[in-house]
């Protein structure tokens, strides 16, 4: 799923705050990280078609983690994995399956 422009801009702003980036120099690259984060989590079963504070925060956290670990390739933090799993499970339960 591709994020609409307004949602992408809101998440970009949150990612930049999280990373302490004030310049626009990295915007294109950060947007790519955001899109990659959404794709990665959707492959794992998350649905981001509905915009909520929870889903936007999860996208922000995932993209920020990817940015911070781009050189080290450290594994996903447990808290982030826990949040992603909770979202996936709650979405599956609300679907009835």
PDB file of N, CA and C in Angstrom:
ATOM      1  N   UNK A   1       0.837  -1.169   0.000  1.00  0.00           N
ATOM      2  CA  UNK A   1       0.000   0.000   0.000  1.00  0.00           C
ATOM      3  C   UNK A   1       0.887   1.238   0.000  1.00  0.00           C
ATOM      4  N   UNK A   2       0.550   2.163  -0.832  1.00  0.00           N
ATOM      5  CA  UNK A   2       1.300   3.423  -0.878  1.00  0.00           C
ATOM      6  C   UNK A   2       0.591   4.456  -0.016  1.00  0.00           C
ATOM      7  N   UNK A   3       1.350   5.144   0.815  1.00  0.00           N
ATOM      8  CA  UNK A   3       0.780   6.177   1.672  1.00  0.00           C
ATOM      9  C   UNK A   3       0.401   7.395   0.842  1.00  0.00           C
ATOM     10  N   UNK A   4      -0.723   8.035   1.195  1.00  0.00           N
ATOM     11  CA  UNK A   4      -1.067   9.263   0.490  1.00  0.00           C
ATOM     12  C   UNK A   4      -0.077  10.355   0.905  1.00  0.00           C
ATOM     13  N   UNK A   5       0.023  11.386   0.097  1.00  0.00           N
ATOM     14  CA  UNK A   5       1.029  12.432   0.278  1.00  0.00           C
ATOM     15  C   UNK A   5       0.938  13.113   1.640  1.00  0.00           C
ATOM     16  N   UNK A   6      -0.266  13.435   2.067  1.00  0.00           N
ATOM     17  CA  UNK A   6      -0.430  14.114   3.355  1.00  0.00           C
ATOM     18  C   UNK A   6       0.020  13.232   4.515  1.00  0.00           C
ATOM     19  N   UNK A   7      -0.363  11.968   4.474  1.00  0.00           N
ATOM     20  CA  UNK A   7       0.036  11.042   5.545  1.00  0.00           C
ATOM     21  C   UNK A   7       1.547  10.838   5.542  1.00  0.00           C
ATOM     22  N   UNK A   8       2.115  10.700   4.368  1.00  0.00           N
ATOM     23  CA  UNK A   8       3.560  10.542   4.257  1.00  0.00           C
ATOM     24  C   UNK A   8       4.276  11.753   4.845  1.00  0.00           C
ATOM     25  N   UNK A   9       3.785  12.939   4.581  1.00  0.00           N
ATOM     26  CA  UNK A   9       4.402  14.159   5.119  1.00  0.00           C
ATOM     27  C   UNK A   9       4.293  14.221   6.641  1.00  0.00           C
ATOM     28  N   UNK A  10       3.143  13.795   7.191  1.00  0.00           N
ATOM     29  CA  UNK A  10       2.981  13.779   8.650  1.00  0.00           C
ATOM     30  C   UNK A  10       3.956  12.798   9.291  1.00  0.00           C
ATOM     31  N   UNK A  11       4.092  11.637   8.685  1.00  0.00           N
ATOM     32  CA  UNK A  11       5.008  10.627   9.229  1.00  0.00           C
ATOM     33  C   UNK A  11       6.446  11.080   9.059  1.00  0.00           C
ATOM     34  N   UNK A  12       6.760  11.693   7.931  1.00  0.00           N
ATOM     35  CA  UNK A  12       8.108  12.231   7.716  1.00  0.00           C
ATOM     36  C   UNK A  12       8.462  13.226   8.809  1.00  0.00           C
ATOM     37  N   UNK A  13       7.539  14.112   9.122  1.00  0.00           N
ATOM     38  CA  UNK A  13       7.789  15.106  10.174  1.00  0.00           C
ATOM     39  C   UNK A  13       8.064  14.413  11.509  1.00  0.00           C
ATOM     40  N   UNK A  14       7.309  13.370  11.813  1.00  0.00           N
ATOM     41  CA  UNK A  14       7.505  12.634  13.069  1.00  0.00           C
ATOM     42  C   UNK A  14       8.849  11.906  13.086  1.00  0.00           C
ATOM     43  N   UNK A  15       9.219  11.313  11.967  1.00  0.00           N
ATOM     44  CA  UNK A  15      10.507  10.620  11.874  1.00  0.00           C
ATOM     45  C   UNK A  15      11.651  11.611  12.076  1.00  0.00           C
ATOM     46  N   UNK A  16      11.545  12.766  11.450  1.00  0.00           N
ATOM     47  CA  UNK A  16      12.602  13.773  11.582  1.00  0.00           C
ATOM     48  C   UNK A  16      12.737  14.244  13.031  1.00  0.00           C
ATOM     49  N   UNK A  17      11.624  14.422  13.719  1.00  0.00           N
ATOM     50  CA  UNK A  17      11.681  14.799  15.136  1.00  0.00           C
ATOM     51  C   UNK A  17      12.344  13.672  15.930  1.00  0.00           C
ATOM     52  N   UNK A  18      11.927  12.443  15.675  1.00  0.00           N
ATOM     53  CA  UNK A  18      12.483  11.284  16.384  1.00  0.00           C
ATOM     54  C   UNK A  18      13.994  11.174  16.191  1.00  0.00           C
ATOM     55  N   UNK A  19      14.458  11.481  14.987  1.00  0.00           N
ATOM     56  CA  UNK A  19      15.884  11.365  14.672  1.00  0.00           C
ATOM     57  C   UNK A  19      16.663  12.651  14.949  1.00  0.00           C
ATOM     58  N   UNK A  20      15.956  13.726  15.271  1.00  0.00           N
ATOM     59  CA  UNK A  20      16.627  14.994  15.523  1.00  0.00           C
ATOM     60  C   UNK A  20      17.147  15.667  14.262  1.00  0.00           C
ATOM     61  N   UNK A  21      16.474  15.435  13.144  1.00  0.00           N
ATOM     62  CA  UNK A  21      16.880  16.011  11.862  1.00  0.00           C
ATOM     63  C   UNK A  21      16.002  17.223  11.575  1.00  0.00           C
ATOM     64  N   UNK A  22      16.638  18.364  11.321  1.00  0.00           N
ATOM     65  CA  UNK A  22      15.870  19.582  11.025  1.00  0.00           C
ATOM     66  C   UNK A  22      15.981  19.996   9.567  1.00  0.00           C
ATOM     67  N   UNK A  23      16.969  19.488   8.878  1.00  0.00           N
ATOM     68  CA  UNK A  23      17.200  19.833   7.482  1.00  0.00           C
ATOM     69  C   UNK A  23      16.256  19.058   6.567  1.00  0.00           C
ATOM     70  N   UNK A  24      16.015  19.596   5.389  1.00  0.00           N
ATOM     71  CA  UNK A  24      15.241  18.867   4.377  1.00  0.00           C
ATOM     72  C   UNK A  24      16.145  18.027   3.475  1.00  0.00           C
ATOM     73  N   UNK A  25      17.445  18.073   3.728  1.00  0.00           N
ATOM     74  CA  UNK A  25      18.413  17.395   2.868  1.00  0.00           C
ATOM     75  C   UNK A  25      18.176  15.885   2.769  1.00  0.00           C
ATOM     76  N   UNK A  26      17.612  15.286   3.803  1.00  0.00           N
ATOM     77  CA  UNK A  26      17.408  13.835   3.821  1.00  0.00           C
ATOM     78  C   UNK A  26      15.973  13.416   3.525  1.00  0.00           C
ATOM     79  N   UNK A  27      15.107  14.353   3.180  1.00  0.00           N
ATOM     80  CA  UNK A  27      13.690  14.039   3.022  1.00  0.00           C
ATOM     81  C   UNK A  27      13.411  12.921   2.022  1.00  0.00           C
ATOM     82  N   UNK A  28      14.033  12.968   0.873  1.00  0.00           N
ATOM     83  CA  UNK A  28      13.788  11.934  -0.144  1.00  0.00           C
ATOM     84  C   UNK A  28      14.195  10.565   0.386  1.00  0.00           C
ATOM     85  N   UNK A  29      15.332  10.519   1.013  1.00  0.00           N
ATOM     86  CA  UNK A  29      15.827   9.242   1.552  1.00  0.00           C
ATOM     87  C   UNK A  29      14.958   8.760   2.715  1.00  0.00           C
ATOM     88  N   UNK A  30      14.558   9.672   3.594  1.00  0.00           N
ATOM     89  CA  UNK A  30      13.702   9.284   4.711  1.00  0.00           C
ATOM     90  C   UNK A  30      12.340   8.794   4.223  1.00  0.00           C
ATOM     91  N   UNK A  31      11.804   9.418   3.178  1.00  0.00           N
ATOM     92  CA  UNK A  31      10.533   8.949   2.613  1.00  0.00           C
ATOM     93  C   UNK A  31      10.677   7.524   2.082  1.00  0.00           C
ATOM     94  N   UNK A  32      11.819   7.217   1.502  1.00  0.00           N
ATOM     95  CA  UNK A  32      12.066   5.855   1.024  1.00  0.00           C
ATOM     96  C   UNK A  32      12.101   4.872   2.198  1.00  0.00           C
ATOM     97  N   UNK A  33      12.681   5.288   3.314  1.00  0.00           N
ATOM     98  CA  UNK A  33      12.704   4.445   4.509  1.00  0.00           C
ATOM     99  C   UNK A  33      11.294   4.226   5.046  1.00  0.00           C
ATOM    100  N   UNK A  34      10.474   5.268   5.008  1.00  0.00           N
ATOM    101  CA  UNK A  34       9.091   5.151   5.465  1.00  0.00           C
ATOM    102  C   UNK A  34       8.329   4.169   4.587  1.00  0.00           C
ATOM    103  N   UNK A  35       8.443   4.320   3.286  1.00  0.00           N
ATOM    104  CA  UNK A  35       7.769   3.407   2.350  1.00  0.00           C
ATOM    105  C   UNK A  35       8.262   1.964   2.540  1.00  0.00           C
ATOM    106  N   UNK A  36       9.564   1.803   2.757  1.00  0.00           N
ATOM    107  CA  UNK A  36      10.129   0.469   2.981  1.00  0.00           C
ATOM    108  C   UNK A  36       9.617  -0.126   4.282  1.00  0.00           C
ATOM    109  N   UNK A  37       9.468   0.712   5.305  1.00  0.00           N
ATOM    110  CA  UNK A  37       8.950   0.241   6.589  1.00  0.00           C
ATOM    111  C   UNK A  37       7.522  -0.272   6.434  1.00  0.00           C
ATOM    112  N   UNK A  38       6.698   0.474   5.719  1.00  0.00           N
ATOM    113  CA  UNK A  38       5.314   0.054   5.483  1.00  0.00           C
ATOM    114  C   UNK A  38       5.304  -1.275   4.725  1.00  0.00           C
ATOM    115  N   UNK A  39       6.079  -1.369   3.669  1.00  0.00           N
ATOM    116  CA  UNK A  39       6.127  -2.606   2.893  1.00  0.00           C
ATOM    117  C   UNK A  39       6.589  -3.794   3.711  1.00  0.00           C
ATOM    118  N   UNK A  40       7.606  -3.592   4.523  1.00  0.00           N
ATOM    119  CA  UNK A  40       8.129  -4.670   5.361  1.00  0.00           C
ATOM    120  C   UNK A  40       7.072  -5.162   6.347  1.00  0.00           C
ATOM    121  N   UNK A  41       6.407  -4.235   7.006  1.00  0.00           N
ATOM    122  CA  UNK A  41       5.406  -4.632   7.998  1.00  0.00           C
ATOM    123  C   UNK A  41       4.156  -5.219   7.355  1.00  0.00           C
ATOM    124  N   UNK A  42       3.809  -4.745   6.158  1.00  0.00           N
ATOM    125  CA  UNK A  42       2.671  -5.341   5.458  1.00  0.00           C
ATOM    126  C   UNK A  42       2.978  -6.774   5.040  1.00  0.00           C
ATOM    127  N   UNK A  43       4.194  -7.038   4.639  1.00  0.00           N
ATOM    128  CA  UNK A  43       4.574  -8.418   4.302  1.00  0.00           C
ATOM    129  C   UNK A  43       4.454  -9.335   5.516  1.00  0.00           C
ATOM    130  N   UNK A  44       4.576  -8.759   6.702  1.00  0.00           N
ATOM    131  CA  UNK A  44       4.456  -9.545   7.929  1.00  0.00           C
ATOM    132  C   UNK A  44       3.002  -9.664   8.396  1.00  0.00           C
ATOM    133  N   UNK A  45       2.079  -8.963   7.712  1.00  0.00           N
ATOM    134  CA  UNK A  45       0.661  -9.121   7.990  1.00  0.00           C
ATOM    135  C   UNK A  45      -0.061  -7.893   8.499  1.00  0.00           C
ATOM    136  N   UNK A  46       0.633  -6.777   8.685  1.00  0.00           N
ATOM    137  CA  UNK A  46      -0.019  -5.557   9.175  1.00  0.00           C
ATOM    138  C   UNK A  46      -0.771  -4.868   8.044  1.00  0.00           C
ATOM    139  N   UNK A  47      -1.840  -4.186   8.414  1.00  0.00           N
ATOM    140  CA  UNK A  47      -2.645  -3.430   7.452  1.00  0.00           C
ATOM    141  C   UNK A  47      -2.585  -1.954   7.845  1.00  0.00           C
ATOM    142  N   UNK A  48      -2.101  -1.116   6.946  1.00  0.00           N
ATOM    143  CA  UNK A  48      -1.976   0.308   7.221  1.00  0.00           C
ATOM    144  C   UNK A  48      -2.944   1.138   6.399  1.00  0.00           C
ATOM    145  N   UNK A  49      -3.988   0.511   5.867  1.00  0.00           N
ATOM    146  CA  UNK A  49      -4.940   1.243   5.033  1.00  0.00           C
ATOM    147  C   UNK A  49      -5.731   2.268   5.844  1.00  0.00           C
ATOM    148  N   UNK A  50      -5.982   2.002   7.114  1.00  0.00           N
ATOM    149  CA  UNK A  50      -6.663   2.965   7.969  1.00  0.00           C
ATOM    150  C   UNK A  50      -5.619   3.745   8.754  1.00  0.00           C
ATOM    151  N   UNK A  51      -5.721   5.046   8.705  1.00  0.00           N
ATOM    152  CA  UNK A  51      -4.771   5.875   9.428  1.00  0.00           C
ATOM    153  C   UNK A  51      -5.237   6.066  10.862  1.00  0.00           C
ATOM    154  N   UNK A  52      -4.417   5.633  11.789  1.00  0.00           N
ATOM    155  CA  UNK A  52      -4.657   5.860  13.215  1.00  0.00           C
ATOM    156  C   UNK A  52      -3.355   6.357  13.824  1.00  0.00           C
ATOM    157  N   UNK A  53      -3.469   6.910  15.016  1.00  0.00           N
ATOM    158  CA  UNK A  53      -2.256   7.346  15.719  1.00  0.00           C
ATOM    159  C   UNK A  53      -1.330   6.146  15.948  1.00  0.00           C
ATOM    160  N   UNK A  54      -1.922   4.998  16.249  1.00  0.00           N
ATOM    161  CA  UNK A  54      -1.133   3.786  16.506  1.00  0.00           C
ATOM    162  C   UNK A  54      -0.365   3.341  15.262  1.00  0.00           C
ATOM    163  N   UNK A  55      -1.034   3.299  14.124  1.00  0.00           N
ATOM    164  CA  UNK A  55      -0.338   2.831  12.921  1.00  0.00           C
ATOM    165  C   UNK A  55       0.714   3.840  12.473  1.00  0.00           C
ATOM    166  N   UNK A  56       0.409   5.129  12.580  1.00  0.00           N
ATOM    167  CA  UNK A  56       1.415   6.133  12.202  1.00  0.00           C
ATOM    168  C   UNK A  56       2.626   6.072  13.120  1.00  0.00           C
ATOM    169  N   UNK A  57       2.397   5.859  14.422  1.00  0.00           N
ATOM    170  CA  UNK A  57       3.511   5.763  15.360  1.00  0.00           C
ATOM    171  C   UNK A  57       4.357   4.533  15.067  1.00  0.00           C
ATOM    172  N   UNK A  58       3.726   3.435  14.715  1.00  0.00           N
ATOM    173  CA  UNK A  58       4.465   2.217  14.394  1.00  0.00           C
ATOM    174  C   UNK A  58       5.312   2.406  13.134  1.00  0.00           C
ATOM    175  N   UNK A  59       4.756   3.050  12.137  1.00  0.00           N
ATOM    176  CA  UNK A  59       5.519   3.344  10.919  1.00  0.00           C
ATOM    177  C   UNK A  59       6.702   4.248  11.264  1.00  0.00           C
ATOM    178  N   UNK A  60       6.466   5.267  12.072  1.00  0.00           N
ATOM    179  CA  UNK A  60       7.532   6.186  12.488  1.00  0.00           C
ATOM    180  C   UNK A  60       8.637   5.439  13.215  1.00  0.00           C
ATOM    181  N   UNK A  61       8.259   4.606  14.173  1.00  0.00           N
ATOM    182  CA  UNK A  61       9.252   3.859  14.955  1.00  0.00           C
ATOM    183  C   UNK A  61      10.060   2.908  14.070  1.00  0.00           C
ATOM    184  N   UNK A  62       9.387   2.233  13.151  1.00  0.00           N
ATOM    185  CA  UNK A  62      10.065   1.273  12.274  1.00  0.00           C
ATOM    186  C   UNK A  62      11.035   1.991  11.334  1.00  0.00           C
ATOM    187  N   UNK A  63      10.582   3.072  10.714  1.00  0.00           N
ATOM    188  CA  UNK A  63      11.456   3.817   9.798  1.00  0.00           C
ATOM    189  C   UNK A  63      12.645   4.424  10.546  1.00  0.00           C
ATOM    190  N   UNK A  64      12.403   4.944  11.747  1.00  0.00           N
ATOM    191  CA  UNK A  64      13.489   5.518  12.545  1.00  0.00           C
ATOM    192  C   UNK A  64      14.507   4.451  12.937  1.00  0.00           C
ATOM    193  N   UNK A  65      14.022   3.282  13.319  1.00  0.00           N
ATOM    194  CA  UNK A  65      14.921   2.165  13.665  1.00  0.00           C
ATOM    195  C   UNK A  65      15.763   1.769  12.448  1.00  0.00           C
ATOM    196  N   UNK A  66      15.131   1.666  11.288  1.00  0.00           N
ATOM    197  CA  UNK A  66      15.883   1.309  10.085  1.00  0.00           C
ATOM    198  C   UNK A  66      16.965   2.345   9.794  1.00  0.00           C
ATOM    199  N   UNK A  67      16.639   3.624   9.963  1.00  0.00           N
ATOM    200  CA  UNK A  67      17.615   4.687   9.717  1.00  0.00           C
ATOM    201  C   UNK A  67      18.790   4.572  10.692  1.00  0.00           C
ATOM    202  N   UNK A  68      18.459   4.387  11.971  1.00  0.00           N
ATOM    203  CA  UNK A  68      19.519   4.320  12.990  1.00  0.00           C
ATOM    204  C   UNK A  68      20.440   3.118  12.797  1.00  0.00           C
ATOM    205  N   UNK A  69      19.919   2.043  12.274  1.00  0.00           N
ATOM    206  CA  UNK A  69      20.710   0.814  12.159  1.00  0.00           C
ATOM    207  C   UNK A  69      21.122   0.519  10.713  1.00  0.00           C
ATOM    208  N   UNK A  70      21.099   1.527   9.855  1.00  0.00           N
ATOM    209  CA  UNK A  70      21.397   1.299   8.436  1.00  0.00           C
ATOM    210  C   UNK A  70      22.813   0.791   8.213  1.00  0.00           C
ATOM    211  N   UNK A  71      23.732   1.107   9.107  1.00  0.00           N
ATOM    212  CA  UNK A  71      25.116   0.636   8.964  1.00  0.00           C
ATOM    213  C   UNK A  71      25.378  -0.639   9.754  1.00  0.00           C
ATOM    214  N   UNK A  72      24.660  -0.835  10.846  1.00  0.00           N
ATOM    215  CA  UNK A  72      24.932  -1.980  11.724  1.00  0.00           C
ATOM    216  C   UNK A  72      24.038  -3.173  11.444  1.00  0.00           C
ATOM    217  N   UNK A  73      22.867  -2.922  10.878  1.00  0.00           N
ATOM    218  CA  UNK A  73      21.885  -3.976  10.575  1.00  0.00           C
ATOM    219  C   UNK A  73      21.475  -4.756  11.823  1.00  0.00           C
ATOM    220  N   UNK A  74      21.388  -4.051  12.957  1.00  0.00           N
ATOM    221  CA  UNK A  74      20.942  -4.681  14.192  1.00  0.00           C
ATOM    222  C   UNK A  74      19.510  -5.163  14.033  1.00  0.00           C
ATOM    223  N   UNK A  75      19.178  -6.214  14.767  1.00  0.00           N
ATOM    224  CA  UNK A  75      17.832  -6.751  14.710  1.00  0.00           C
ATOM    225  C   UNK A  75      16.807  -5.806  15.293  1.00  0.00           C
ATOM    226  N   UNK A  76      15.554  -6.075  14.992  1.00  0.00           N
ATOM    227  CA  UNK A  76      14.453  -5.239  15.463  1.00  0.00           C
ATOM    228  C   UNK A  76      14.385  -5.278  16.984  1.00  0.00           C
ATOM    229  N   UNK A  77      14.265  -4.114  17.603  1.00  0.00           N
ATOM    230  CA  UNK A  77      14.121  -4.072  19.061  1.00  0.00           C
ATOM    231  C   UNK A  77      12.865  -4.828  19.518  1.00  0.00           C
ATOM    232  N   UNK A  78      12.941  -5.418  20.683  1.00  0.00           N
ATOM    233  CA  UNK A  78      11.818  -6.212  21.196  1.00  0.00           C
ATOM    234  C   UNK A  78      10.545  -5.385  21.323  1.00  0.00           C
ATOM    235  N   UNK A  79      10.673  -4.158  21.781  1.00  0.00           N
ATOM    236  CA  UNK A  79       9.477  -3.316  21.958  1.00  0.00           C
ATOM    237  C   UNK A  79       8.791  -3.044  20.614  1.00  0.00           C
ATOM    238  N   UNK A  80       9.578  -2.831  19.574  1.00  0.00           N
ATOM    239  CA  UNK A  80       9.017  -2.603  18.245  1.00  0.00           C
ATOM    240  C   UNK A  80       8.371  -3.880  17.718  1.00  0.00           C
ATOM    241  N   UNK A  81       9.027  -5.006  17.901  1.00  0.00           N
ATOM    242  CA  UNK A  81       8.468  -6.302  17.485  1.00  0.00           C
ATOM    243  C   UNK A  81       7.162  -6.564  18.224  1.00  0.00           C
ATOM    244  N   UNK A  82       7.135  -6.291  19.520  1.00  0.00           N
ATOM    245  CA  UNK A  82       5.945  -6.490  20.337  1.00  0.00           C
ATOM    246  C   UNK A  82       4.786  -5.633  19.818  1.00  0.00           C
ATOM    247  N   UNK A  83       5.054  -4.368  19.525  1.00  0.00           N
ATOM    248  CA  UNK A  83       4.013  -3.467  19.009  1.00  0.00           C
ATOM    249  C   UNK A  83       3.488  -3.931  17.656  1.00  0.00           C
ATOM    250  N   UNK A  84       4.395  -4.355  16.781  1.00  0.00           N
ATOM    251  CA  UNK A  84       3.984  -4.849  15.465  1.00  0.00           C
ATOM    252  C   UNK A  84       3.130  -6.101  15.603  1.00  0.00           C
ATOM    253  N   UNK A  85       3.564  -7.035  16.431  1.00  0.00           N
ATOM    254  CA  UNK A  85       2.789  -8.263  16.637  1.00  0.00           C
ATOM    255  C   UNK A  85       1.411  -7.956  17.208  1.00  0.00           C
ATOM    256  N   UNK A  86       1.347  -7.044  18.172  1.00  0.00           N
ATOM    257  CA  UNK A  86       0.052  -6.680  18.755  1.00  0.00           C
ATOM    258  C   UNK A  86      -0.880  -6.090  17.708  1.00  0.00           C
ATOM    259  N   UNK A  87      -0.340  -5.223  16.837  1.00  0.00           N
ATOM    260  CA  UNK A  87      -1.166  -4.652  15.780  1.00  0.00           C
ATOM    261  C   UNK A  87      -1.683  -5.739  14.845  1.00  0.00           C
ATOM    262  N   UNK A  88      -0.800  -6.604  14.414  1.00  0.00           N
ATOM    263  CA  UNK A  88      -1.196  -7.683  13.497  1.00  0.00           C
ATOM    264  C   UNK A  88      -2.259  -8.569  14.142  1.00  0.00           C
ATOM    265  N   UNK A  89      -2.019  -8.989  15.390  1.00  0.00           N
ATOM    266  CA  UNK A  89      -2.980  -9.865  16.065  1.00  0.00           C
ATOM    267  C   UNK A  89      -4.328  -9.184  16.261  1.00  0.00           C
ATOM    268  N   UNK A  90      -4.319  -7.915  16.674  1.00  0.00           N
ATOM    269  CA  UNK A  90      -5.582  -7.226  16.890  1.00  0.00           C
ATOM    270  C   UNK A  90      -6.338  -7.026  15.583  1.00  0.00           C
ATOM    271  N   UNK A  91      -5.616  -6.756  14.501  1.00  0.00           N
ATOM    272  CA  UNK A  91      -6.273  -6.617  13.204  1.00  0.00           C
ATOM    273  C   UNK A  91      -6.867  -7.946  12.753  1.00  0.00           C
ATOM    274  N   UNK A  92      -6.151  -9.025  12.956  1.00  0.00           N
ATOM    275  CA  UNK A  92      -6.657 -10.343  12.553  1.00  0.00           C
ATOM    276  C   UNK A  92      -7.876 -10.739  13.385  1.00  0.00           C
ATOM    277  N   UNK A  93      -7.838 -10.411  14.678  1.00  0.00           N
ATOM    278  CA  UNK A  93      -8.971 -10.741  15.542  1.00  0.00           C
ATOM    279  C   UNK A  93     -10.219  -9.927  15.148  1.00  0.00           C
ATOM    280  N   UNK A  94     -10.026  -8.681  14.781  1.00  0.00           N
ATOM    281  CA  UNK A  94     -11.182  -7.853  14.405  1.00  0.00           C
ATOM    282  C   UNK A  94     -11.772  -8.277  13.060  1.00  0.00           C
ATOM    283  N   UNK A  95     -10.950  -8.970  12.254  1.00  0.00           N
ATOM    284  CA  UNK A  95     -11.422  -9.508  10.977  1.00  0.00           C
ATOM    285  C   UNK A  95     -12.185 -10.813  11.199  1.00  0.00           C
ATOM    286  N   UNK A  96     -12.038 -11.375  12.384  1.00  0.00           N
ATOM    287  CA  UNK A  96     -12.708 -12.636  12.677  1.00  0.00           C
ATOM    288  C   UNK A  96     -11.894 -13.834  12.258  1.00  0.00           C
ATOM    289  N   UNK A  97     -10.600 -13.638  12.059  1.00  0.00           N
ATOM    290  CA  UNK A  97      -9.812 -14.778  11.612  1.00  0.00           C
ATOM    291  C   UNK A  97      -8.495 -14.759  12.185  1.00  0.00           C
TER     292      UNK A  97
END
